[in-house]
PDB file of all heavy atoms in Angstrom:
ATOM      1  N   ILE A   1       8.520 -35.253  12.116  1.00  0.00           N
ATOM      2  CA  ILE A   1       9.853 -35.603  12.606  1.00  0.00           C
ATOM      3  C   ILE A   1       9.757 -36.442  13.872  1.00  0.00           C
ATOM      4  O   ILE A   1      10.489 -37.424  14.045  1.00  0.00           O
ATOM      5  CB  ILE A   1      10.677 -34.329  12.853  1.00  0.00           C
ATOM      6  CG1 ILE A   1      11.028 -33.653  11.516  1.00  0.00           C
ATOM      7  CG2 ILE A   1      11.945 -34.636  13.648  1.00  0.00           C
ATOM      8  CD1 ILE A   1      11.650 -32.273  11.664  1.00  0.00           C
ATOM      9  N   GLU A   2       8.864 -36.068  14.758  1.00  0.00           N
ATOM     10  CA  GLU A   2       8.750 -36.778  16.034  1.00  0.00           C
ATOM     11  C   GLU A   2       8.080 -38.143  15.894  1.00  0.00           C
ATOM     12  O   GLU A   2       8.494 -39.112  16.545  1.00  0.00           O
ATOM     13  CB  GLU A   2       7.963 -35.926  17.043  1.00  0.00           C
ATOM     14  CG  GLU A   2       8.706 -34.694  17.532  1.00  0.00           C
ATOM     15  CD  GLU A   2       9.790 -35.005  18.564  1.00  0.00           C
ATOM     16  OE1 GLU A   2      10.464 -36.058  18.454  1.00  0.00           O
ATOM     17  OE2 GLU A   2       9.969 -34.175  19.475  1.00  0.00           O
ATOM     18  N   ASN A   3       7.061 -38.232  15.046  1.00  0.00           N
ATOM     19  CA  ASN A   3       6.222 -39.427  15.044  1.00  0.00           C
ATOM     20  C   ASN A   3       6.166 -40.200  13.737  1.00  0.00           C
ATOM     21  O   ASN A   3       5.690 -41.341  13.720  1.00  0.00           O
ATOM     22  CB  ASN A   3       4.782 -39.047  15.433  1.00  0.00           C
ATOM     23  CG  ASN A   3       4.723 -38.323  16.762  1.00  0.00           C
ATOM     24  OD1 ASN A   3       5.367 -38.733  17.723  1.00  0.00           O
ATOM     25  ND2 ASN A   3       3.951 -37.241  16.839  1.00  0.00           N
ATOM     26  N   GLY A   4       6.628 -39.601  12.638  1.00  0.00           N
ATOM     27  CA  GLY A   4       6.497 -40.260  11.347  1.00  0.00           C
ATOM     28  C   GLY A   4       7.466 -41.425  11.186  1.00  0.00           C
ATOM     29  O   GLY A   4       8.661 -41.296  11.431  1.00  0.00           O
ATOM     30  N   LYS A   5       6.941 -42.566  10.779  1.00  0.00           N
ATOM     31  CA  LYS A   5       7.796 -43.715  10.493  1.00  0.00           C
ATOM     32  C   LYS A   5       8.534 -43.484   9.181  1.00  0.00           C
ATOM     33  O   LYS A   5       8.144 -42.650   8.357  1.00  0.00           O
ATOM     34  CB  LYS A   5       6.948 -44.986  10.404  1.00  0.00           C
ATOM     35  CG  LYS A   5       6.264 -45.359  11.709  1.00  0.00           C
ATOM     36  CD  LYS A   5       5.447 -46.634  11.551  1.00  0.00           C
ATOM     37  CE  LYS A   5       4.764 -47.014  12.863  1.00  0.00           C
ATOM     38  NZ  LYS A   5       3.948 -48.249  12.729  1.00  0.00           N
ATOM     39  N   ASN A   6       9.613 -44.203   8.983  1.00  0.00           N
ATOM     40  CA  ASN A   6      10.352 -44.095   7.729  1.00  0.00           C
ATOM     41  C   ASN A   6       9.408 -44.278   6.550  1.00  0.00           C
ATOM     42  O   ASN A   6       8.620 -45.222   6.500  1.00  0.00           O
ATOM     43  CB  ASN A   6      11.443 -45.173   7.686  1.00  0.00           C
ATOM     44  CG  ASN A   6      12.213 -45.166   6.381  1.00  0.00           C
ATOM     45  OD1 ASN A   6      12.639 -44.126   5.907  1.00  0.00           O
ATOM     46  ND2 ASN A   6      12.364 -46.339   5.785  1.00  0.00           N
ATOM     47  N   GLY A   7       9.469 -43.355   5.587  1.00  0.00           N
ATOM     48  CA  GLY A   7       8.596 -43.398   4.422  1.00  0.00           C
ATOM     49  C   GLY A   7       7.269 -42.693   4.603  1.00  0.00           C
ATOM     50  O   GLY A   7       6.463 -42.641   3.662  1.00  0.00           O
ATOM     51  N   ALA A   8       7.034 -42.109   5.779  1.00  0.00           N
ATOM     52  CA  ALA A   8       5.740 -41.465   6.042  1.00  0.00           C
ATOM     53  C   ALA A   8       5.545 -40.233   5.161  1.00  0.00           C
ATOM     54  O   ALA A   8       6.483 -39.495   4.869  1.00  0.00           O
ATOM     55  CB  ALA A   8       5.627 -41.071   7.509  1.00  0.00           C
ATOM     56  N   ILE A   9       4.298 -40.038   4.750  1.00  0.00           N
ATOM     57  CA  ILE A   9       3.880 -38.848   4.019  1.00  0.00           C
ATOM     58  C   ILE A   9       2.771 -38.185   4.829  1.00  0.00           C
ATOM     59  O   ILE A   9       1.731 -38.805   5.077  1.00  0.00           O
ATOM     60  CB  ILE A   9       3.355 -39.187   2.613  1.00  0.00           C
ATOM     61  CG1 ILE A   9       4.417 -39.925   1.791  1.00  0.00           C
ATOM     62  CG2 ILE A   9       2.886 -37.930   1.888  1.00  0.00           C
ATOM     63  CD1 ILE A   9       3.881 -40.489   0.480  1.00  0.00           C
ATOM     64  N   PHE A  10       2.987 -36.954   5.251  1.00  0.00           N
ATOM     65  CA  PHE A  10       1.969 -36.204   5.977  1.00  0.00           C
ATOM     66  C   PHE A  10       1.414 -35.113   5.070  1.00  0.00           C
ATOM     67  O   PHE A  10       2.168 -34.447   4.351  1.00  0.00           O
ATOM     68  CB  PHE A  10       2.547 -35.540   7.232  1.00  0.00           C
ATOM     69  CG  PHE A  10       2.614 -36.425   8.447  1.00  0.00           C
ATOM     70  CD1 PHE A  10       2.591 -37.806   8.338  1.00  0.00           C
ATOM     71  CD2 PHE A  10       2.720 -35.868   9.710  1.00  0.00           C
ATOM     72  CE1 PHE A  10       2.660 -38.617   9.464  1.00  0.00           C
ATOM     73  CE2 PHE A  10       2.790 -36.651  10.847  1.00  0.00           C
ATOM     74  CZ  PHE A  10       2.764 -38.029  10.727  1.00  0.00           C
ATOM     75  N   VAL A  11       0.108 -34.927   5.137  1.00  0.00           N
ATOM     76  CA  VAL A  11      -0.573 -33.837   4.447  1.00  0.00           C
ATOM     77  C   VAL A  11      -0.991 -32.795   5.476  1.00  0.00           C
ATOM     78  O   VAL A  11      -1.534 -33.130   6.535  1.00  0.00           O
ATOM     79  CB  VAL A  11      -1.809 -34.344   3.674  1.00  0.00           C
ATOM     80  CG1 VAL A  11      -2.630 -33.172   3.135  1.00  0.00           C
ATOM     81  CG2 VAL A  11      -1.395 -35.271   2.539  1.00  0.00           C
ATOM     82  N   SER A  12      -0.716 -31.530   5.157  1.00  0.00           N
ATOM     83  CA  SER A  12      -1.144 -30.419   6.004  1.00  0.00           C
ATOM     84  C   SER A  12      -1.880 -29.428   5.123  1.00  0.00           C
ATOM     85  O   SER A  12      -1.273 -28.724   4.312  1.00  0.00           O
ATOM     86  CB  SER A  12       0.077 -29.749   6.658  1.00  0.00           C
ATOM     87  OG  SER A  12      -0.299 -28.575   7.359  1.00  0.00           O
ATOM     88  N   GLU A  13      -3.207 -29.369   5.267  1.00  0.00           N
ATOM     89  CA  GLU A  13      -3.988 -28.482   4.399  1.00  0.00           C
ATOM     90  C   GLU A  13      -5.196 -27.939   5.129  1.00  0.00           C
ATOM     91  O   GLU A  13      -5.645 -28.481   6.140  1.00  0.00           O
ATOM     92  CB  GLU A  13      -4.436 -29.228   3.135  1.00  0.00           C
ATOM     93  CG  GLU A  13      -5.385 -30.375   3.388  1.00  0.00           C
ATOM     94  CD  GLU A  13      -5.865 -31.050   2.110  1.00  0.00           C
ATOM     95  OE1 GLU A  13      -5.568 -30.546   1.020  1.00  0.00           O
ATOM     96  OE2 GLU A  13      -6.555 -32.078   2.220  1.00  0.00           O
ATOM     97  N   ASN A  14      -5.719 -26.831   4.590  1.00  0.00           N
ATOM     98  CA  ASN A  14      -6.968 -26.229   5.059  1.00  0.00           C
ATOM     99  C   ASN A  14      -6.948 -25.876   6.543  1.00  0.00           C
ATOM    100  O   ASN A  14      -7.985 -25.841   7.192  1.00  0.00           O
ATOM    101  CB  ASN A  14      -8.158 -27.146   4.766  1.00  0.00           C
ATOM    102  CG  ASN A  14      -8.298 -27.461   3.292  1.00  0.00           C
ATOM    103  OD1 ASN A  14      -7.889 -26.675   2.445  1.00  0.00           O
ATOM    104  ND2 ASN A  14      -8.854 -28.619   2.979  1.00  0.00           N
ATOM    105  N   ASN A  15      -5.729 -25.650   7.083  1.00  0.00           N
ATOM    106  CA  ASN A  15      -5.605 -25.262   8.485  1.00  0.00           C
ATOM    107  C   ASN A  15      -6.138 -26.325   9.436  1.00  0.00           C
ATOM    108  O   ASN A  15      -6.534 -26.026  10.566  1.00  0.00           O
ATOM    109  CB  ASN A  15      -6.325 -23.934   8.747  1.00  0.00           C
ATOM    110  CG  ASN A  15      -5.501 -22.987   9.585  1.00  0.00           C
ATOM    111  OD1 ASN A  15      -4.291 -23.134   9.710  1.00  0.00           O
ATOM    112  ND2 ASN A  15      -6.158 -22.002  10.176  1.00  0.00           N
ATOM    113  N   GLN A  16      -6.127 -27.571   8.993  1.00  0.00           N
ATOM    114  CA  GLN A  16      -6.612 -28.695   9.793  1.00  0.00           C
ATOM    115  C   GLN A  16      -5.423 -29.513  10.298  1.00  0.00           C
ATOM    116  O   GLN A  16      -4.298 -29.389   9.799  1.00  0.00           O
ATOM    117  CB  GLN A  16      -7.533 -29.573   8.946  1.00  0.00           C
ATOM    118  CG  GLN A  16      -8.791 -28.872   8.471  1.00  0.00           C
ATOM    119  CD  GLN A  16      -9.676 -28.422   9.611  1.00  0.00           C
ATOM    120  OE1 GLN A  16     -10.005 -29.208  10.502  1.00  0.00           O
ATOM    121  NE2 GLN A  16     -10.056 -27.151   9.589  1.00  0.00           N
ATOM    122  N   PRO A  17      -5.642 -30.392  11.295  1.00  0.00           N
ATOM    123  CA  PRO A  17      -4.545 -31.246  11.770  1.00  0.00           C
ATOM    124  C   PRO A  17      -3.989 -32.095  10.626  1.00  0.00           C
ATOM    125  O   PRO A  17      -4.722 -32.495   9.725  1.00  0.00           O
ATOM    126  CB  PRO A  17      -5.215 -32.121  12.839  1.00  0.00           C
ATOM    127  CG  PRO A  17      -6.385 -31.318  13.301  1.00  0.00           C
ATOM    128  CD  PRO A  17      -6.872 -30.579  12.082  1.00  0.00           C
ATOM    129  N   PRO A  18      -2.689 -32.379  10.653  1.00  0.00           N
ATOM    130  CA  PRO A  18      -2.104 -33.189   9.576  1.00  0.00           C
ATOM    131  C   PRO A  18      -2.600 -34.626   9.620  1.00  0.00           C
ATOM    132  O   PRO A  18      -3.040 -35.118  10.657  1.00  0.00           O
ATOM    133  CB  PRO A  18      -0.602 -33.122   9.872  1.00  0.00           C
ATOM    134  CG  PRO A  18      -0.525 -32.886  11.342  1.00  0.00           C
ATOM    135  CD  PRO A  18      -1.704 -32.005  11.674  1.00  0.00           C
ATOM    136  N   PHE A  19      -2.528 -35.274   8.471  1.00  0.00           N
ATOM    137  CA  PHE A  19      -2.867 -36.699   8.421  1.00  0.00           C
ATOM    138  C   PHE A  19      -1.889 -37.393   7.485  1.00  0.00           C
ATOM    139  O   PHE A  19      -1.294 -36.778   6.597  1.00  0.00           O
ATOM    140  CB  PHE A  19      -4.313 -36.915   7.960  1.00  0.00           C
ATOM    141  CG  PHE A  19      -4.657 -36.325   6.615  1.00  0.00           C
ATOM    142  CD1 PHE A  19      -4.509 -37.057   5.440  1.00  0.00           C
ATOM    143  CD2 PHE A  19      -5.144 -35.022   6.520  1.00  0.00           C
ATOM    144  CE1 PHE A  19      -4.826 -36.511   4.198  1.00  0.00           C
ATOM    145  CE2 PHE A  19      -5.462 -34.469   5.286  1.00  0.00           C
ATOM    146  CZ  PHE A  19      -5.303 -35.215   4.124  1.00  0.00           C
ATOM    147  N   ALA A  20      -1.717 -38.685   7.714  1.00  0.00           N
ATOM    148  CA  ALA A  20      -0.790 -39.476   6.903  1.00  0.00           C
ATOM    149  C   ALA A  20      -1.531 -40.098   5.728  1.00  0.00           C
ATOM    150  O   ALA A  20      -2.730 -40.397   5.815  1.00  0.00           O
ATOM    151  CB  ALA A  20      -0.145 -40.568   7.751  1.00  0.00           C
ATOM    152  N   VAL A  21      -0.813 -40.260   4.619  1.00  0.00           N
ATOM    153  CA  VAL A  21      -1.364 -40.958   3.462  1.00  0.00           C
ATOM    154  C   VAL A  21      -0.356 -42.011   3.015  1.00  0.00           C
ATOM    155  O   VAL A  21       0.842 -41.909   3.281  1.00  0.00           O
ATOM    156  CB  VAL A  21      -1.668 -40.001   2.279  1.00  0.00           C
ATOM    157  CG1 VAL A  21      -2.722 -38.992   2.660  1.00  0.00           C
ATOM    158  CG2 VAL A  21      -0.399 -39.300   1.810  1.00  0.00           C
ATOM    159  N   GLU A  22      -0.857 -43.040   2.347  1.00  0.00           N
ATOM    160  CA  GLU A  22      -0.003 -44.072   1.780  1.00  0.00           C
ATOM    161  C   GLU A  22      -0.178 -44.089   0.272  1.00  0.00           C
ATOM    162  O   GLU A  22      -1.302 -44.005  -0.225  1.00  0.00           O
ATOM    163  CB  GLU A  22      -0.344 -45.445   2.357  1.00  0.00           C
ATOM    164  CG  GLU A  22      -0.003 -45.610   3.835  1.00  0.00           C
ATOM    165  CD  GLU A  22      -0.265 -47.021   4.325  1.00  0.00           C
ATOM    166  OE1 GLU A  22      -0.749 -47.856   3.524  1.00  0.00           O
ATOM    167  OE2 GLU A  22       0.023 -47.297   5.507  1.00  0.00           O
ATOM    168  N   VAL A  23       0.931 -44.191  -0.440  1.00  0.00           N
ATOM    169  CA  VAL A  23       0.876 -44.336  -1.891  1.00  0.00           C
ATOM    170  C   VAL A  23       0.665 -45.813  -2.197  1.00  0.00           C
ATOM    171  O   VAL A  23       1.520 -46.639  -1.860  1.00  0.00           O
ATOM    172  CB  VAL A  23       2.175 -43.835  -2.552  1.00  0.00           C
ATOM    173  CG1 VAL A  23       2.115 -44.049  -4.060  1.00  0.00           C
ATOM    174  CG2 VAL A  23       2.404 -42.368  -2.223  1.00  0.00           C
ATOM    175  N   PRO A  24      -0.464 -46.178  -2.794  1.00  0.00           N
ATOM    176  CA  PRO A  24      -0.749 -47.597  -3.011  1.00  0.00           C
ATOM    177  C   PRO A  24       0.133 -48.199  -4.098  1.00  0.00           C
ATOM    178  O   PRO A  24       0.619 -47.507  -4.991  1.00  0.00           O
ATOM    179  CB  PRO A  24      -2.218 -47.592  -3.449  1.00  0.00           C
ATOM    180  CG  PRO A  24      -2.414 -46.253  -4.073  1.00  0.00           C
ATOM    181  CD  PRO A  24      -1.534 -45.301  -3.307  1.00  0.00           C
ATOM    182  N   SER A  25       0.329 -49.490  -4.010  1.00  0.00           N
ATOM    183  CA  SER A  25       1.025 -50.196  -5.083  1.00  0.00           C
ATOM    184  C   SER A  25       0.154 -50.182  -6.342  1.00  0.00           C
ATOM    185  O   SER A  25      -1.055 -50.381  -6.269  1.00  0.00           O
ATOM    186  CB  SER A  25       1.302 -51.642  -4.675  1.00  0.00           C
ATOM    187  OG  SER A  25       1.690 -52.412  -5.798  1.00  0.00           O
ATOM    188  N   TYR A  26       0.794 -49.924  -7.469  1.00  0.00           N
ATOM    189  CA  TYR A  26       0.011 -49.869  -8.716  1.00  0.00           C
ATOM    190  C   TYR A  26      -0.703 -51.188  -8.975  1.00  0.00           C
ATOM    191  O   TYR A  26      -1.764 -51.219  -9.617  1.00  0.00           O
ATOM    192  CB  TYR A  26       0.931 -49.530  -9.889  1.00  0.00           C
ATOM    193  CG  TYR A  26       1.881 -50.628 -10.295  1.00  0.00           C
ATOM    194  CD1 TYR A  26       1.513 -51.592 -11.226  1.00  0.00           C
ATOM    195  CD2 TYR A  26       3.139 -50.715  -9.721  1.00  0.00           C
ATOM    196  CE1 TYR A  26       2.379 -52.609 -11.577  1.00  0.00           C
ATOM    197  CE2 TYR A  26       4.005 -51.720 -10.076  1.00  0.00           C
ATOM    198  CZ  TYR A  26       3.637 -52.674 -11.008  1.00  0.00           C
ATOM    199  OH  TYR A  26       4.486 -53.678 -11.339  1.00  0.00           O
ATOM    200  N   ALA A  27      -0.175 -52.292  -8.454  1.00  0.00           N
ATOM    201  CA  ALA A  27      -0.798 -53.597  -8.692  1.00  0.00           C
ATOM    202  C   ALA A  27      -2.194 -53.684  -8.074  1.00  0.00           C
ATOM    203  O   ALA A  27      -3.036 -54.468  -8.539  1.00  0.00           O
ATOM    204  CB  ALA A  27       0.086 -54.722  -8.153  1.00  0.00           C
ATOM    205  N   THR A  28      -2.433 -52.887  -7.012  1.00  0.00           N
ATOM    206  CA  THR A  28      -3.749 -52.909  -6.364  1.00  0.00           C
ATOM    207  C   THR A  28      -4.745 -52.013  -7.093  1.00  0.00           C
ATOM    208  O   THR A  28      -5.926 -51.984  -6.731  1.00  0.00           O
ATOM    209  CB  THR A  28      -3.634 -52.431  -4.920  1.00  0.00           C
ATOM    210  OG1 THR A  28      -3.263 -51.035  -4.892  1.00  0.00           O
ATOM    211  CG2 THR A  28      -2.592 -53.233  -4.149  1.00  0.00           C
ATOM    212  N   LEU A  29      -4.294 -51.294  -8.116  1.00  0.00           N
ATOM    213  CA  LEU A  29      -5.142 -50.343  -8.818  1.00  0.00           C
ATOM    214  C   LEU A  29      -5.528 -50.816 -10.209  1.00  0.00           C
ATOM    215  O   LEU A  29      -6.040 -50.050 -11.017  1.00  0.00           O
ATOM    216  CB  LEU A  29      -4.409 -48.994  -8.931  1.00  0.00           C
ATOM    217  CG  LEU A  29      -3.924 -48.368  -7.614  1.00  0.00           C
ATOM    218  CD1 LEU A  29      -3.121 -47.121  -7.889  1.00  0.00           C
ATOM    219  CD2 LEU A  29      -5.093 -48.066  -6.681  1.00  0.00           C
ATOM    220  N   LYS A  30      -5.307 -52.093 -10.485  1.00  0.00           N
ATOM    221  CA  LYS A  30      -5.556 -52.618 -11.824  1.00  0.00           C
ATOM    222  C   LYS A  30      -7.019 -52.474 -12.239  1.00  0.00           C
ATOM    223  O   LYS A  30      -7.918 -52.795 -11.478  1.00  0.00           O
ATOM    224  CB  LYS A  30      -5.153 -54.089 -11.906  1.00  0.00           C
ATOM    225  CG  LYS A  30      -3.670 -54.331 -11.984  1.00  0.00           C
ATOM    226  CD  LYS A  30      -3.355 -55.744 -12.423  1.00  0.00           C
ATOM    227  CE  LYS A  30      -3.846 -56.770 -11.439  1.00  0.00           C
ATOM    228  NZ  LYS A  30      -3.412 -58.136 -11.805  1.00  0.00           N
ATOM    229  N   ILE A  31      -7.212 -51.976 -13.426  1.00  0.00           N
ATOM    230  CA  ILE A  31      -8.541 -51.869 -14.018  1.00  0.00           C
ATOM    231  C   ILE A  31      -8.492 -52.546 -15.393  1.00  0.00           C
ATOM    232  O   ILE A  31      -7.649 -52.194 -16.234  1.00  0.00           O
ATOM    233  CB  ILE A  31      -8.972 -50.392 -14.183  1.00  0.00           C
ATOM    234  CG1 ILE A  31      -9.018 -49.696 -12.816  1.00  0.00           C
ATOM    235  CG2 ILE A  31     -10.323 -50.296 -14.875  1.00  0.00           C
ATOM    236  CD1 ILE A  31      -9.264 -48.214 -12.903  1.00  0.00           C
ATOM    237  N   PRO A  32      -9.339 -53.516 -15.641  1.00  0.00           N
ATOM    238  CA  PRO A  32      -9.331 -54.176 -16.956  1.00  0.00           C
ATOM    239  C   PRO A  32      -9.583 -53.186 -18.083  1.00  0.00           C
ATOM    240  O   PRO A  32     -10.370 -52.258 -17.922  1.00  0.00           O
ATOM    241  CB  PRO A  32     -10.467 -55.201 -16.849  1.00  0.00           C
ATOM    242  CG  PRO A  32     -10.642 -55.429 -15.365  1.00  0.00           C
ATOM    243  CD  PRO A  32     -10.339 -54.114 -14.733  1.00  0.00           C
ATOM    244  N   VAL A  33      -8.932 -53.368 -19.192  1.00  0.00           N
ATOM    245  CA  VAL A  33      -9.133 -52.485 -20.351  1.00  0.00           C
ATOM    246  C   VAL A  33      -9.621 -53.301 -21.545  1.00  0.00           C
ATOM    247  O   VAL A  33      -9.503 -54.520 -21.591  1.00  0.00           O
ATOM    248  CB  VAL A  33      -7.826 -51.746 -20.720  1.00  0.00           C
ATOM    249  CG1 VAL A  33      -7.422 -50.838 -19.585  1.00  0.00           C
ATOM    250  CG2 VAL A  33      -6.706 -52.733 -21.036  1.00  0.00           C
TER     251      VAL A  33
END
C-alpha cells in the first residue's frame, strides 16, 4: 500500500521479505513449434 506502484504484484512467502514480480507479455515468451 505504501510503496507499490499501480499494477504492482508483491509475493510474500517462506517468512521472507516481500518481493515484486512482473507478469511478462506473452509476446516475449514465444517458442517456435
